[in-house]
C-alpha atoms as a PDB file:
ATOM      1  CA  MET A   1       3.249   8.494  19.662  1.00  0.00           C
ATOM      2  CA  THR A   2       1.462   9.959  16.677  1.00  0.00           C
ATOM      3  CA  ASP A   3       2.743   9.746  13.162  1.00  0.00           C
ATOM      4  CA  ARG A   4       1.155  11.994  10.589  1.00  0.00           C
ATOM      5  CA  PRO A   5       0.658  10.505   7.158  1.00  0.00           C
ATOM      6  CA  ALA A   6       3.215  11.562   4.561  1.00  0.00           C
ATOM      7  CA  LYS A   7       2.701  11.586   0.807  1.00  0.00           C
ATOM      8  CA  HIS A   8       4.416   8.867  -1.219  1.00  0.00           C
ATOM      9  CA  SER A   9       4.472   8.762  -5.018  1.00  0.00           C
ATOM     10  CA  LEU A  10       3.433   5.700  -7.009  1.00  0.00           C
ATOM     11  CA  THR A  11       2.845   4.917 -10.657  1.00  0.00           C
ATOM     12  CA  LEU A  12      -0.318   2.957 -11.434  1.00  0.00           C
ATOM     13  CA  HIS A  13      -1.035   1.884 -14.980  1.00  0.00           C
ATOM     14  CA  GLY A  14       1.385   4.500 -16.312  1.00  0.00           C
ATOM     15  CA  HIS A  15      -0.071   7.372 -14.269  1.00  0.00           C
ATOM     16  CA  ARG A  16       1.568   9.069 -11.295  1.00  0.00           C
ATOM     17  CA  THR A  17      -0.434   9.202  -8.104  1.00  0.00           C
ATOM     18  CA  SER A  18       0.307   9.616  -4.430  1.00  0.00           C
ATOM     19  CA  VAL A  19      -0.903   8.060  -1.229  1.00  0.00           C
ATOM     20  CA  SER A  20      -0.665   9.459   2.274  1.00  0.00           C
ATOM     21  CA  LEU A  21       0.485   6.802   4.718  1.00  0.00           C
ATOM     22  CA  GLU A  22       1.980   6.737   8.180  1.00  0.00           C
ATOM     23  CA  THR A  23       5.624   5.595   8.344  1.00  0.00           C
ATOM     24  CA  ALA A  24       4.745   2.184   9.801  1.00  0.00           C
ATOM     25  CA  PHE A  25       2.306   1.397   6.994  1.00  0.00           C
ATOM     26  CA  TRP A  26       4.656   2.657   4.265  1.00  0.00           C
ATOM     27  CA  THR A  27       7.557   0.654   5.706  1.00  0.00           C
ATOM     28  CA  GLY A  28       5.390  -2.455   5.989  1.00  0.00           C
ATOM     29  CA  PHE A  29       4.138  -1.983   2.438  1.00  0.00           C
ATOM     30  CA  CYS A  30       7.703  -1.661   1.089  1.00  0.00           C
ATOM     31  CA  ASP A  31       8.872  -4.669   3.130  1.00  0.00           C
ATOM     32  CA  ILE A  32       6.036  -6.823   1.770  1.00  0.00           C
ATOM     33  CA  ALA A  33       6.826  -5.804  -1.816  1.00  0.00           C
ATOM     34  CA  LYS A  34      10.487  -6.671  -1.306  1.00  0.00           C
ATOM     35  CA  ALA A  35       9.660 -10.026   0.310  1.00  0.00           C
ATOM     36  CA  GLN A  36       7.340 -10.868  -2.589  1.00  0.00           C
ATOM     37  CA  GLY A  37       9.946  -9.825  -5.150  1.00  0.00           C
ATOM     38  CA  VAL A  38       7.766  -7.140  -6.726  1.00  0.00           C
ATOM     39  CA  THR A  39       8.046  -3.384  -7.041  1.00  0.00           C
ATOM     40  CA  ILE A  40       5.951  -1.143  -4.844  1.00  0.00           C
ATOM     41  CA  ASN A  41       4.164   0.014  -7.994  1.00  0.00           C
ATOM     42  CA  ALA A  42       3.272  -3.574  -8.953  1.00  0.00           C
ATOM     43  CA  LEU A  43       2.017  -4.320  -5.438  1.00  0.00           C
ATOM     44  CA  ALA A  44       0.016  -1.081  -5.380  1.00  0.00           C
ATOM     45  CA  ALA A  45      -1.538  -1.994  -8.742  1.00  0.00           C
ATOM     46  CA  ARG A  46      -2.539  -5.406  -7.386  1.00  0.00           C
ATOM     47  CA  ILE A  47      -4.100  -3.821  -4.307  1.00  0.00           C
ATOM     48  CA  ASP A  48      -5.795  -1.175  -6.464  1.00  0.00           C
ATOM     49  CA  ALA A  49      -7.324  -3.833  -8.723  1.00  0.00           C
ATOM     50  CA  GLY A  50      -8.804  -5.653  -5.740  1.00  0.00           C
ATOM     51  CA  ARG A  51     -10.235  -2.744  -3.792  1.00  0.00           C
ATOM     52  CA  ASP A  52     -13.826  -1.561  -3.674  1.00  0.00           C
ATOM     53  CA  ALA A  53     -14.569   1.545  -5.723  1.00  0.00           C
ATOM     54  CA  ASP A  54     -15.745   3.251  -2.523  1.00  0.00           C
ATOM     55  CA  SER A  55     -12.453   2.815  -0.664  1.00  0.00           C
ATOM     56  CA  GLY A  56      -9.349   4.881  -1.281  1.00  0.00           C
ATOM     57  CA  LEU A  57      -6.019   3.403  -2.267  1.00  0.00           C
ATOM     58  CA  ALA A  58      -4.299   4.499   0.954  1.00  0.00           C
ATOM     59  CA  SER A  59      -6.981   2.772   3.036  1.00  0.00           C
ATOM     60  CA  ALA A  60      -6.718  -0.357   0.886  1.00  0.00           C
ATOM     61  CA  ILE A  61      -2.940  -0.405   1.413  1.00  0.00           C
ATOM     62  CA  ARG A  62      -3.365  -0.024   5.182  1.00  0.00           C
ATOM     63  CA  ILE A  63      -5.839  -2.944   5.275  1.00  0.00           C
ATOM     64  CA  PHE A  64      -3.529  -5.034   3.066  1.00  0.00           C
ATOM     65  CA  VAL A  65      -0.535  -4.389   5.345  1.00  0.00           C
ATOM     66  CA  LEU A  66      -2.559  -5.066   8.493  1.00  0.00           C
ATOM     67  CA  ASN A  67      -3.953  -8.313   7.093  1.00  0.00           C
ATOM     68  CA  HIS A  68      -0.522  -9.392   5.891  1.00  0.00           C
ATOM     69  CA  TYR A  69       0.982  -9.039   9.359  1.00  0.00           C
ATOM     70  CA  ARG A  70      -2.050 -10.709  10.916  1.00  0.00           C
ATOM     71  CA  GLY A  71      -1.433 -13.622   8.543  1.00  0.00           C
ATOM     72  CA  THR A  72      -4.795 -13.324   6.803  1.00  0.00           C
ATOM     73  CA  GLN A  73      -3.625 -12.198   3.319  1.00  0.00           C
ATOM     74  CA  GLY A  74      -0.709 -10.990   1.284  1.00  0.00           C
END
């Protein structure tokens, strides 16, 4: 099964942006935010602050979600 990334809107530091994520990653990201009691925008800002300048936000979110479910972060 293939799932094409879909655009999702976020607000980071008062500016609108979007990320393209597959449904599984977006759902996982939203579930993690809910479990941590934070908004998706707050979680995205935290991920954004910790990512390398060379990596995109969508990739950083995917790695965050993967590591969270592996039990290695988040």
